[in-house]
PDB file of all heavy atoms in Angstrom:
ATOM      1  N   MET A   1      98.451 214.513 -61.599  1.00  0.00           N
ATOM      2  CA  MET A   1      99.872 214.646 -61.275  1.00  0.00           C
ATOM      3  C   MET A   1     100.631 213.324 -61.388  1.00  0.00           C
ATOM      4  O   MET A   1     101.784 213.302 -61.845  1.00  0.00           O
ATOM      5  CB  MET A   1     100.049 215.192 -59.846  1.00  0.00           C
ATOM      6  CG  MET A   1      99.402 216.535 -59.590  1.00  0.00           C
ATOM      7  SD  MET A   1     100.239 217.883 -60.456  1.00  0.00           S
ATOM      8  CE  MET A   1      99.032 219.193 -60.221  1.00  0.00           C
ATOM      9  N   ILE A   2     100.012 212.219 -60.991  1.00  0.00           N
ATOM     10  CA  ILE A   2     100.704 210.936 -60.948  1.00  0.00           C
ATOM     11  C   ILE A   2     100.288 210.017 -62.098  1.00  0.00           C
ATOM     12  O   ILE A   2     101.123 209.370 -62.722  1.00  0.00           O
ATOM     13  CB  ILE A   2     100.443 210.212 -59.610  1.00  0.00           C
ATOM     14  CG1 ILE A   2     100.930 211.060 -58.428  1.00  0.00           C
ATOM     15  CG2 ILE A   2     101.129 208.852 -59.584  1.00  0.00           C
ATOM     16  CD1 ILE A   2     100.607 210.468 -57.072  1.00  0.00           C
ATOM     17  N   GLN A   3      98.981 209.991 -62.380  1.00  0.00           N
ATOM     18  CA  GLN A   3      98.453 209.029 -63.347  1.00  0.00           C
ATOM     19  C   GLN A   3      98.312 209.590 -64.760  1.00  0.00           C
ATOM     20  O   GLN A   3      97.898 208.875 -65.669  1.00  0.00           O
ATOM     21  CB  GLN A   3      97.094 208.503 -62.846  1.00  0.00           C
ATOM     22  CG  GLN A   3      97.169 207.842 -61.485  1.00  0.00           C
ATOM     23  CD  GLN A   3      95.822 207.785 -60.775  1.00  0.00           C
ATOM     24  OE1 GLN A   3      94.778 208.042 -61.370  1.00  0.00           O
ATOM     25  NE2 GLN A   3      95.845 207.448 -59.494  1.00  0.00           N
ATOM     26  N   LYS A   4      98.648 210.849 -64.944  1.00  0.00           N
ATOM     27  CA  LYS A   4      98.570 211.510 -66.258  1.00  0.00           C
ATOM     28  C   LYS A   4      97.169 211.416 -66.879  1.00  0.00           C
ATOM     29  O   LYS A   4      97.013 211.192 -68.061  1.00  0.00           O
ATOM     30  CB  LYS A   4      99.611 210.947 -67.220  1.00  0.00           C
ATOM     31  CG  LYS A   4     101.042 211.290 -66.872  1.00  0.00           C
ATOM     32  CD  LYS A   4     102.006 211.146 -68.042  1.00  0.00           C
ATOM     33  CE  LYS A   4     102.033 209.766 -68.613  1.00  0.00           C
ATOM     34  NZ  LYS A   4     103.070 209.644 -69.674  1.00  0.00           N
ATOM     35  N   LYS A   5      96.148 211.613 -66.046  1.00  0.00           N
ATOM     36  CA  LYS A   5      94.767 211.609 -66.526  1.00  0.00           C
ATOM     37  C   LYS A   5      94.288 213.036 -66.717  1.00  0.00           C
ATOM     38  O   LYS A   5      94.586 213.909 -65.903  1.00  0.00           O
ATOM     39  CB  LYS A   5      93.853 210.864 -65.542  1.00  0.00           C
ATOM     40  CG  LYS A   5      94.159 209.372 -65.460  1.00  0.00           C
ATOM     41  CD  LYS A   5      93.214 208.671 -64.504  1.00  0.00           C
ATOM     42  CE  LYS A   5      93.519 207.173 -64.436  1.00  0.00           C
ATOM     43  NZ  LYS A   5      92.627 206.485 -63.462  1.00  0.00           N
ATOM     44  N   ASN A   6      93.543 213.249 -67.776  1.00  0.00           N
ATOM     45  CA  ASN A   6      93.080 214.595 -68.126  1.00  0.00           C
ATOM     46  C   ASN A   6      91.841 214.948 -67.315  1.00  0.00           C
ATOM     47  O   ASN A   6      90.725 214.546 -67.651  1.00  0.00           O
ATOM     48  CB  ASN A   6      92.773 214.666 -69.625  1.00  0.00           C
ATOM     49  CG  ASN A   6      92.550 216.089 -70.097  1.00  0.00           C
ATOM     50  OD1 ASN A   6      92.073 216.946 -69.354  1.00  0.00           O
ATOM     51  ND2 ASN A   6      92.887 216.353 -71.341  1.00  0.00           N
ATOM     52  N   ILE A   7      92.031 215.710 -66.244  1.00  0.00           N
ATOM     53  CA  ILE A   7      90.912 216.059 -65.359  1.00  0.00           C
ATOM     54  C   ILE A   7      90.056 217.202 -65.922  1.00  0.00           C
ATOM     55  O   ILE A   7      89.159 217.685 -65.246  1.00  0.00           O
ATOM     56  CB  ILE A   7      91.392 216.402 -63.939  1.00  0.00           C
ATOM     57  CG1 ILE A   7      92.365 217.599 -63.953  1.00  0.00           C
ATOM     58  CG2 ILE A   7      92.026 215.192 -63.280  1.00  0.00           C
ATOM     59  CD1 ILE A   7      92.713 218.113 -62.570  1.00  0.00           C
ATOM     60  N   GLY A   8      90.342 217.582 -67.166  1.00  0.00           N
ATOM     61  CA  GLY A   8      89.478 218.539 -67.841  1.00  0.00           C
ATOM     62  C   GLY A   8      88.360 217.850 -68.606  1.00  0.00           C
ATOM     63  O   GLY A   8      87.545 218.503 -69.244  1.00  0.00           O
ATOM     64  N   GLU A   9      88.310 216.514 -68.525  1.00  0.00           N
ATOM     65  CA  GLU A   9      87.307 215.735 -69.235  1.00  0.00           C
ATOM     66  C   GLU A   9      86.269 215.172 -68.268  1.00  0.00           C
ATOM     67  O   GLU A   9      86.622 214.646 -67.210  1.00  0.00           O
ATOM     68  CB  GLU A   9      87.975 214.588 -70.000  1.00  0.00           C
ATOM     69  CG  GLU A   9      88.934 215.054 -71.089  1.00  0.00           C
ATOM     70  CD  GLU A   9      89.603 213.901 -71.804  1.00  0.00           C
ATOM     71  OE1 GLU A   9      89.386 212.735 -71.411  1.00  0.00           O
ATOM     72  OE2 GLU A   9      90.345 214.165 -72.778  1.00  0.00           O
ATOM     73  N   VAL A  10      85.001 215.251 -68.666  1.00  0.00           N
ATOM     74  CA  VAL A  10      83.909 214.771 -67.818  1.00  0.00           C
ATOM     75  C   VAL A  10      84.062 213.290 -67.510  1.00  0.00           C
ATOM     76  O   VAL A  10      83.847 212.851 -66.374  1.00  0.00           O
ATOM     77  CB  VAL A  10      82.546 215.037 -68.485  1.00  0.00           C
ATOM     78  CG1 VAL A  10      81.418 214.437 -67.659  1.00  0.00           C
ATOM     79  CG2 VAL A  10      82.308 216.526 -68.669  1.00  0.00           C
ATOM     80  N   ALA A  11      84.450 212.502 -68.514  1.00  0.00           N
ATOM     81  CA  ALA A  11      84.549 211.051 -68.332  1.00  0.00           C
ATOM     82  C   ALA A  11      85.542 210.699 -67.231  1.00  0.00           C
ATOM     83  O   ALA A  11      85.298 209.802 -66.416  1.00  0.00           O
ATOM     84  CB  ALA A  11      84.960 210.393 -69.649  1.00  0.00           C
ATOM     85  N   VAL A  12      86.651 211.395 -67.185  1.00  0.00           N
ATOM     86  CA  VAL A  12      87.673 211.140 -66.171  1.00  0.00           C
ATOM     87  C   VAL A  12      87.139 211.473 -64.781  1.00  0.00           C
ATOM     88  O   VAL A  12      87.331 210.716 -63.821  1.00  0.00           O
ATOM     89  CB  VAL A  12      88.950 211.953 -66.466  1.00  0.00           C
ATOM     90  CG1 VAL A  12      89.926 211.877 -65.298  1.00  0.00           C
ATOM     91  CG2 VAL A  12      89.612 211.465 -67.748  1.00  0.00           C
ATOM     92  N   ILE A  13      86.442 212.584 -64.673  1.00  0.00           N
ATOM     93  CA  ILE A  13      85.895 213.001 -63.380  1.00  0.00           C
ATOM     94  C   ILE A  13      84.827 212.027 -62.898  1.00  0.00           C
ATOM     95  O   ILE A  13      84.754 211.706 -61.703  1.00  0.00           O
ATOM     96  CB  ILE A  13      85.343 214.440 -63.481  1.00  0.00           C
ATOM     97  CG1 ILE A  13      86.532 215.411 -63.566  1.00  0.00           C
ATOM     98  CG2 ILE A  13      84.455 214.780 -62.292  1.00  0.00           C
ATOM     99  CD1 ILE A  13      86.151 216.847 -63.765  1.00  0.00           C
ATOM    100  N   LEU A  14      84.015 211.513 -63.809  1.00  0.00           N
ATOM    101  CA  LEU A  14      82.975 210.553 -63.415  1.00  0.00           C
ATOM    102  C   LEU A  14      83.576 209.220 -62.993  1.00  0.00           C
ATOM    103  O   LEU A  14      83.030 208.532 -62.128  1.00  0.00           O
ATOM    104  CB  LEU A  14      81.973 210.359 -64.555  1.00  0.00           C
ATOM    105  CG  LEU A  14      81.079 211.572 -64.851  1.00  0.00           C
ATOM    106  CD1 LEU A  14      80.116 211.259 -65.990  1.00  0.00           C
ATOM    107  CD2 LEU A  14      80.302 212.003 -63.604  1.00  0.00           C
ATOM    108  N   ILE A  15      84.696 208.841 -63.584  1.00  0.00           N
ATOM    109  CA  ILE A  15      85.393 207.632 -63.145  1.00  0.00           C
ATOM    110  C   ILE A  15      85.874 207.804 -61.705  1.00  0.00           C
ATOM    111  O   ILE A  15      85.744 206.904 -60.873  1.00  0.00           O
ATOM    112  CB  ILE A  15      86.582 207.311 -64.079  1.00  0.00           C
ATOM    113  CG1 ILE A  15      86.071 206.807 -65.428  1.00  0.00           C
ATOM    114  CG2 ILE A  15      87.507 206.273 -63.447  1.00  0.00           C
ATOM    115  CD1 ILE A  15      87.147 206.632 -66.474  1.00  0.00           C
ATOM    116  N   ILE A  16      86.416 208.979 -61.410  1.00  0.00           N
ATOM    117  CA  ILE A  16      86.851 209.271 -60.040  1.00  0.00           C
ATOM    118  C   ILE A  16      85.670 209.232 -59.078  1.00  0.00           C
ATOM    119  O   ILE A  16      85.762 208.684 -57.973  1.00  0.00           O
ATOM    120  CB  ILE A  16      87.552 210.642 -59.988  1.00  0.00           C
ATOM    121  CG1 ILE A  16      88.884 210.585 -60.752  1.00  0.00           C
ATOM    122  CG2 ILE A  16      87.782 211.081 -58.536  1.00  0.00           C
ATOM    123  CD1 ILE A  16      89.567 211.923 -60.901  1.00  0.00           C
ATOM    124  N   ALA A  17      84.549 209.793 -59.513  1.00  0.00           N
ATOM    125  CA  ALA A  17      83.336 209.765 -58.686  1.00  0.00           C
ATOM    126  C   ALA A  17      82.902 208.329 -58.416  1.00  0.00           C
ATOM    127  O   ALA A  17      82.474 207.984 -57.304  1.00  0.00           O
ATOM    128  CB  ALA A  17      82.216 210.543 -59.365  1.00  0.00           C
ATOM    129  N   GLY A  18      83.038 207.472 -59.426  1.00  0.00           N
ATOM    130  CA  GLY A  18      82.698 206.062 -59.254  1.00  0.00           C
ATOM    131  C   GLY A  18      83.604 205.374 -58.251  1.00  0.00           C
ATOM    132  O   GLY A  18      83.147 204.541 -57.454  1.00  0.00           O
ATOM    133  N   GLU A  19      84.883 205.718 -58.273  1.00  0.00           N
ATOM    134  CA  GLU A  19      85.830 205.154 -57.304  1.00  0.00           C
ATOM    135  C   GLU A  19      85.458 205.566 -55.887  1.00  0.00           C
ATOM    136  O   GLU A  19      85.501 204.748 -54.954  1.00  0.00           O
ATOM    137  CB  GLU A  19      87.249 205.624 -57.634  1.00  0.00           C
ATOM    138  CG  GLU A  19      87.799 205.075 -58.943  1.00  0.00           C
ATOM    139  CD  GLU A  19      89.120 205.718 -59.337  1.00  0.00           C
ATOM    140  OE1 GLU A  19      89.563 206.640 -58.615  1.00  0.00           O
ATOM    141  OE2 GLU A  19      89.700 205.303 -60.359  1.00  0.00           O
ATOM    142  N   LEU A  20      85.083 206.820 -55.731  1.00  0.00           N
ATOM    143  CA  LEU A  20      84.698 207.311 -54.406  1.00  0.00           C
ATOM    144  C   LEU A  20      83.382 206.684 -53.941  1.00  0.00           C
ATOM    145  O   LEU A  20      83.179 206.484 -52.739  1.00  0.00           O
ATOM    146  CB  LEU A  20      84.590 208.836 -54.420  1.00  0.00           C
ATOM    147  CG  LEU A  20      85.917 209.581 -54.590  1.00  0.00           C
ATOM    148  CD1 LEU A  20      85.688 211.083 -54.696  1.00  0.00           C
ATOM    149  CD2 LEU A  20      86.860 209.276 -53.430  1.00  0.00           C
ATOM    150  N   GLU A  21      82.513 206.366 -54.890  1.00  0.00           N
ATOM    151  CA  GLU A  21      81.265 205.690 -54.525  1.00  0.00           C
ATOM    152  C   GLU A  21      81.555 204.287 -54.008  1.00  0.00           C
ATOM    153  O   GLU A  21      80.969 203.845 -53.010  1.00  0.00           O
ATOM    154  CB  GLU A  21      80.324 205.623 -55.725  1.00  0.00           C
ATOM    155  CG  GLU A  21      78.969 205.010 -55.396  1.00  0.00           C
ATOM    156  CD  GLU A  21      77.985 205.118 -56.549  1.00  0.00           C
ATOM    157  OE1 GLU A  21      78.344 204.659 -57.664  1.00  0.00           O
ATOM    158  OE2 GLU A  21      76.884 205.661 -56.341  1.00  0.00           O
ATOM    159  N   LYS A  22      82.480 203.587 -54.652  1.00  0.00           N
ATOM    160  CA  LYS A  22      82.849 202.243 -54.207  1.00  0.00           C
ATOM    161  C   LYS A  22      83.458 202.277 -52.807  1.00  0.00           C
ATOM    162  O   LYS A  22      83.343 201.311 -52.051  1.00  0.00           O
ATOM    163  CB  LYS A  22      83.849 201.627 -55.187  1.00  0.00           C
ATOM    164  CG  LYS A  22      83.240 201.229 -56.521  1.00  0.00           C
ATOM    165  CD  LYS A  22      84.286 200.649 -57.464  1.00  0.00           C
ATOM    166  CE  LYS A  22      83.684 200.302 -58.804  1.00  0.00           C
ATOM    167  NZ  LYS A  22      84.719 199.786 -59.764  1.00  0.00           N
ATOM    168  N   GLU A  23      84.103 203.389 -52.488  1.00  0.00           N
ATOM    169  CA  GLU A  23      84.707 203.541 -51.164  1.00  0.00           C
ATOM    170  C   GLU A  23      83.697 204.024 -50.131  1.00  0.00           C
ATOM    171  O   GLU A  23      84.040 204.219 -48.960  1.00  0.00           O
ATOM    172  CB  GLU A  23      85.884 204.520 -51.243  1.00  0.00           C
ATOM    173  CG  GLU A  23      87.037 204.012 -52.091  1.00  0.00           C
ATOM    174  CD  GLU A  23      88.089 205.080 -52.365  1.00  0.00           C
ATOM    175  OE1 GLU A  23      88.061 206.139 -51.680  1.00  0.00           O
ATOM    176  OE2 GLU A  23      88.936 204.871 -53.251  1.00  0.00           O
ATOM    177  N   GLY A  24      82.445 204.230 -50.559  1.00  0.00           N
ATOM    178  CA  GLY A  24      81.399 204.663 -49.642  1.00  0.00           C
ATOM    179  C   GLY A  24      81.480 206.119 -49.249  1.00  0.00           C
ATOM    180  O   GLY A  24      80.898 206.538 -48.244  1.00  0.00           O
ATOM    181  N   ILE A  25      82.170 206.921 -50.060  1.00  0.00           N
ATOM    182  CA  ILE A  25      82.385 208.330 -49.730  1.00  0.00           C
ATOM    183  C   ILE A  25      81.412 209.248 -50.462  1.00  0.00           C
ATOM    184  O   ILE A  25      81.031 210.305 -49.947  1.00  0.00           O
ATOM    185  CB  ILE A  25      83.840 208.732 -50.073  1.00  0.00           C
ATOM    186  CG1 ILE A  25      84.815 207.976 -49.167  1.00  0.00           C
ATOM    187  CG2 ILE A  25      84.051 210.234 -49.934  1.00  0.00           C
ATOM    188  CD1 ILE A  25      86.270 208.165 -49.530  1.00  0.00           C
ATOM    189  N   LEU A  26      80.977 208.816 -51.649  1.00  0.00           N
ATOM    190  CA  LEU A  26      80.225 209.708 -52.540  1.00  0.00           C
ATOM    191  C   LEU A  26      79.100 208.943 -53.235  1.00  0.00           C
ATOM    192  O   LEU A  26      79.251 207.751 -53.523  1.00  0.00           O
ATOM    193  CB  LEU A  26      81.196 210.271 -53.589  1.00  0.00           C
ATOM    194  CG  LEU A  26      80.712 211.346 -54.550  1.00  0.00           C
ATOM    195  CD1 LEU A  26      80.749 212.702 -53.862  1.00  0.00           C
ATOM    196  CD2 LEU A  26      81.598 211.395 -55.794  1.00  0.00           C
ATOM    197  N   LYS A  27      77.999 209.618 -53.491  1.00  0.00           N
ATOM    198  CA  LYS A  27      76.939 209.054 -54.323  1.00  0.00           C
ATOM    199  C   LYS A  27      77.109 209.616 -55.737  1.00  0.00           C
ATOM    200  O   LYS A  27      76.906 210.802 -55.973  1.00  0.00           O
ATOM    201  CB  LYS A  27      75.567 209.415 -53.763  1.00  0.00           C
ATOM    202  CG  LYS A  27      75.268 208.755 -52.417  1.00  0.00           C
ATOM    203  CD  LYS A  27      73.881 209.126 -51.911  1.00  0.00           C
ATOM    204  CE  LYS A  27      73.601 208.448 -50.579  1.00  0.00           C
ATOM    205  NZ  LYS A  27      72.257 208.825 -50.031  1.00  0.00           N
ATOM    206  N   LYS A  28      77.511 208.736 -56.653  1.00  0.00           N
ATOM    207  CA  LYS A  28      77.869 209.183 -57.994  1.00  0.00           C
ATOM    208  C   LYS A  28      76.692 209.823 -58.733  1.00  0.00           C
ATOM    209  O   LYS A  28      76.853 210.823 -59.425  1.00  0.00           O
ATOM    210  CB  LYS A  28      78.419 208.007 -58.806  1.00  0.00           C
ATOM    211  CG  LYS A  28      78.867 208.405 -60.205  1.00  0.00           C
ATOM    212  CD  LYS A  28      79.411 207.210 -60.979  1.00  0.00           C
ATOM    213  CE  LYS A  28      79.794 207.589 -62.397  1.00  0.00           C
ATOM    214  NZ  LYS A  28      80.308 206.416 -63.161  1.00  0.00           N
ATOM    215  N   GLY A  29      75.495 209.255 -58.580  1.00  0.00           N
ATOM    216  CA  GLY A  29      74.324 209.791 -59.271  1.00  0.00           C
ATOM    217  C   GLY A  29      74.027 211.218 -58.872  1.00  0.00           C
ATOM    218  O   GLY A  29      73.807 212.088 -59.726  1.00  0.00           O
ATOM    219  N   LYS A  30      74.029 211.474 -57.589  1.00  0.00           N
ATOM    220  CA  LYS A  30      73.793 212.842 -57.099  1.00  0.00           C
ATOM    221  C   LYS A  30      74.912 213.765 -57.554  1.00  0.00           C
ATOM    222  O   LYS A  30      74.668 214.903 -57.967  1.00  0.00           O
ATOM    223  CB  LYS A  30      73.695 212.845 -55.575  1.00  0.00           C
ATOM    224  CG  LYS A  30      73.619 214.259 -54.977  1.00  0.00           C
ATOM    225  CD  LYS A  30      73.367 214.233 -53.494  1.00  0.00           C
ATOM    226  CE  LYS A  30      73.586 215.605 -52.868  1.00  0.00           C
ATOM    227  NZ  LYS A  30      72.888 216.690 -53.571  1.00  0.00           N
ATOM    228  N   PHE A  31      76.147 213.265 -57.472  1.00  0.00           N
ATOM    229  CA  PHE A  31      77.296 214.071 -57.901  1.00  0.00           C
ATOM    230  C   PHE A  31      77.141 214.491 -59.363  1.00  0.00           C
ATOM    231  O   PHE A  31      77.360 215.661 -59.706  1.00  0.00           O
ATOM    232  CB  PHE A  31      78.580 213.261 -57.715  1.00  0.00           C
ATOM    233  CG  PHE A  31      79.797 213.912 -58.315  1.00  0.00           C
ATOM    234  CD1 PHE A  31      80.502 214.885 -57.612  1.00  0.00           C
ATOM    235  CD2 PHE A  31      80.239 213.555 -59.584  1.00  0.00           C
ATOM    236  CE1 PHE A  31      81.623 215.494 -58.175  1.00  0.00           C
ATOM    237  CE2 PHE A  31      81.353 214.152 -60.154  1.00  0.00           C
ATOM    238  CZ  PHE A  31      82.051 215.121 -59.446  1.00  0.00           C
ATOM    239  N   LYS A  32      76.772 213.548 -60.209  1.00  0.00           N
ATOM    240  CA  LYS A  32      76.622 213.839 -61.644  1.00  0.00           C
ATOM    241  C   LYS A  32      75.530 214.877 -61.878  1.00  0.00           C
ATOM    242  O   LYS A  32      75.673 215.785 -62.705  1.00  0.00           O
ATOM    243  CB  LYS A  32      76.309 212.546 -62.399  1.00  0.00           C
ATOM    244  CG  LYS A  32      76.286 212.713 -63.908  1.00  0.00           C
ATOM    245  CD  LYS A  32      76.057 211.366 -64.591  1.00  0.00           C
ATOM    246  CE  LYS A  32      76.025 211.524 -66.103  1.00  0.00           C
ATOM    247  NZ  LYS A  32      75.789 210.210 -66.780  1.00  0.00           N
ATOM    248  N   ASP A  33      74.420 214.754 -61.140  1.00  0.00           N
ATOM    249  CA  ASP A  33      73.321 215.727 -61.270  1.00  0.00           C
ATOM    250  C   ASP A  33      73.754 217.113 -60.809  1.00  0.00           C
ATOM    251  O   ASP A  33      73.379 218.128 -61.400  1.00  0.00           O
ATOM    252  CB  ASP A  33      72.111 215.265 -60.454  1.00  0.00           C
ATOM    253  CG  ASP A  33      71.443 214.028 -61.053  1.00  0.00           C
ATOM    254  OD1 ASP A  33      71.674 213.757 -62.252  1.00  0.00           O
ATOM    255  OD2 ASP A  33      70.717 213.335 -60.319  1.00  0.00           O
ATOM    256  N   ASP A  34      74.546 217.145 -59.736  1.00  0.00           N
ATOM    257  CA  ASP A  34      74.959 218.427 -59.162  1.00  0.00           C
ATOM    258  C   ASP A  34      76.039 219.128 -59.980  1.00  0.00           C
ATOM    259  O   ASP A  34      76.138 220.362 -59.956  1.00  0.00           O
ATOM    260  CB  ASP A  34      75.483 218.226 -57.740  1.00  0.00           C
ATOM    261  CG  ASP A  34      74.385 217.891 -56.740  1.00  0.00           C
ATOM    262  OD1 ASP A  34      73.212 218.237 -57.021  1.00  0.00           O
ATOM    263  OD2 ASP A  34      74.696 217.299 -55.695  1.00  0.00           O
TER     264      ASP A  34
END
């Protein structure tokens, strides 16, 4: 909505997962597997 990023792409979603991992909210590796 704000950043005009295509959330239909895996790469974009994994970048978001990485941001959440840096914030200590998510484990990116497990997220990617799941």
